Amino acid sequence: MRAFAPYLILLLAMPLAAVAVVLPVNVYRAQGIAAPDCDGPLQVLIFAVPAILIYGAGALLAYRAGRRFHRLASLLCLIIALAMVPNIAEAVHELYRYAADGECQG
């Protein structure tokens, strides 16, 4: 059972990763409205940062185990972590853009 505990953690973190990949950074723009969404980038980052840390660590630790099954699990963790990177980058870009424009203050 101890050998499968890390994989159970990865399995339980799967909904967190799915939300991090699917959640839009700007809900208004996703609906076709040209307005700033001050909460959107932070909502994405709240889900994405823990998920990318979990799956990044899972990829590293599974790869170091060395067996074929562990290497496959490492590849899957890496794919999941890389799927979150564009959404994280877009959220950080939106946060910097809102800060530079002076929007979303207070």
Protein backbone atom coordinates (compact mmCIF):
# COMPACT_ATOMS: atom_id res chain seq x y z
CA MET A 1 0.00 0.00 0.00
CA ARG A 2 2.88 2.36 0.74
CA ALA A 3 4.08 2.06 -2.85
CA PHE A 4 0.73 3.25 -4.19
CA ALA A 5 0.22 6.16 -1.77
CA PRO A 6 1.95 8.73 -4.01
CA TYR A 7 -0.15 7.59 -6.95
CA LEU A 8 -3.27 7.96 -4.82
CA ILE A 9 -2.26 11.56 -4.11
CA LEU A 10 -1.82 12.17 -7.84
CA LEU A 11 -5.19 10.61 -8.54
CA LEU A 12 -6.89 12.74 -5.88
CA ALA A 13 -5.25 15.89 -7.30
CA MET A 14 -6.63 15.19 -10.78
CA PRO A 15 -9.81 17.33 -10.32
CA LEU A 16 -7.63 20.21 -9.14
CA ALA A 17 -5.52 19.93 -12.28
CA ALA A 18 -8.60 19.67 -14.49
CA VAL A 19 -10.05 22.87 -13.04
CA ALA A 20 -6.67 24.58 -13.45
CA VAL A 21 -6.57 23.67 -17.15
CA VAL A 22 -10.20 24.42 -18.01
CA LEU A 23 -10.94 27.57 -15.97
CA PRO A 24 -10.81 30.73 -18.11
CA VAL A 25 -8.59 33.57 -16.96
CA ASN A 26 -11.12 36.23 -17.95
CA VAL A 27 -14.70 35.00 -17.70
CA TYR A 28 -16.04 38.11 -19.38
CA ARG A 29 -13.81 37.70 -22.41
CA ALA A 30 -14.83 34.04 -22.60
CA GLN A 31 -18.46 35.25 -22.87
CA GLY A 32 -17.56 37.87 -25.48
CA ILE A 33 -17.63 40.92 -23.21
CA ALA A 34 -14.66 43.32 -23.31
CA ALA A 35 -14.27 44.00 -19.59
CA PRO A 36 -11.54 43.30 -17.03
CA ASP A 37 -12.10 40.36 -14.71
CA CYS A 38 -10.29 41.26 -11.52
CA ASP A 39 -10.90 37.91 -9.81
CA GLY A 40 -10.28 35.60 -12.76
CA PRO A 41 -6.47 35.38 -12.76
CA LEU A 42 -6.30 34.76 -9.03
CA GLN A 43 -8.95 32.03 -9.27
CA VAL A 44 -6.86 30.28 -11.90
CA LEU A 45 -3.67 30.60 -9.87
CA ILE A 46 -5.32 29.28 -6.70
CA PHE A 47 -5.99 26.01 -8.48
CA ALA A 48 -3.01 25.90 -10.84
CA VAL A 49 -0.07 26.57 -8.53
CA PRO A 50 -0.73 23.68 -6.10
CA ALA A 51 -1.58 21.37 -8.99
CA ILE A 52 1.59 22.13 -10.94
CA LEU A 53 3.66 21.66 -7.78
CA ILE A 54 2.02 18.29 -7.09
CA TYR A 55 2.39 17.00 -10.63
CA GLY A 56 5.88 18.45 -11.09
CA ALA A 57 7.05 16.73 -7.92
CA GLY A 58 5.23 13.58 -9.00
CA ALA A 59 7.02 13.62 -12.36
CA LEU A 60 10.40 14.07 -10.71
CA LEU A 61 9.90 11.44 -8.01
CA ALA A 62 8.37 8.87 -10.35
CA TYR A 63 11.19 9.33 -12.86
CA ARG A 64 13.79 8.77 -10.17
CA ALA A 65 12.15 5.43 -9.23
CA GLY A 66 13.38 4.08 -12.55
CA ARG A 67 11.05 1.25 -13.49
CA ARG A 68 8.97 1.21 -16.64
CA PHE A 69 5.66 1.82 -14.85
CA HIS A 70 7.16 4.69 -12.90
CA ARG A 71 8.61 6.23 -16.06
CA LEU A 72 5.17 6.07 -17.68
CA ALA A 73 3.61 7.70 -14.61
CA SER A 74 6.34 10.35 -14.75
CA LEU A 75 5.51 11.08 -18.39
CA LEU A 76 1.80 11.42 -17.58
CA CYS A 77 2.56 13.78 -14.69
CA LEU A 78 4.77 15.85 -16.95
CA ILE A 79 2.05 16.09 -19.59
CA ILE A 80 -0.50 17.20 -16.99
CA ALA A 81 1.90 19.78 -15.55
CA LEU A 82 2.73 21.15 -18.99
CA ALA A 83 -0.97 21.44 -19.82
CA MET A 84 -1.33 23.95 -16.99
CA VAL A 85 1.56 26.19 -18.06
CA PRO A 86 -0.31 28.21 -20.75
CA ASN A 87 -3.17 29.02 -18.37
CA ILE A 88 -0.74 30.05 -15.63
CA ALA A 89 1.20 32.24 -18.06
CA GLU A 90 -1.99 33.88 -19.28
CA ALA A 91 -3.14 34.52 -15.69
CA VAL A 92 0.17 36.15 -14.76
CA HIS A 93 0.05 38.22 -17.95
CA GLU A 94 -3.47 39.41 -17.10
CA LEU A 95 -2.41 40.34 -13.56
CA TYR A 96 0.51 42.42 -14.84
CA ARG A 97 -1.67 44.03 -17.51
CA TYR A 98 -4.31 45.03 -14.95
CA ALA A 99 -1.61 46.42 -12.66
CA ALA A 100 -0.02 48.42 -15.48
CA ASP A 101 -3.37 49.84 -16.64
CA GLY A 102 -4.37 50.76 -13.08
CA GLU A 103 -7.49 48.62 -13.24
CA CYS A 104 -8.72 46.41 -10.40
CA GLN A 105 -7.49 48.57 -7.56
CA GLY A 106 -9.45 48.67 -4.40
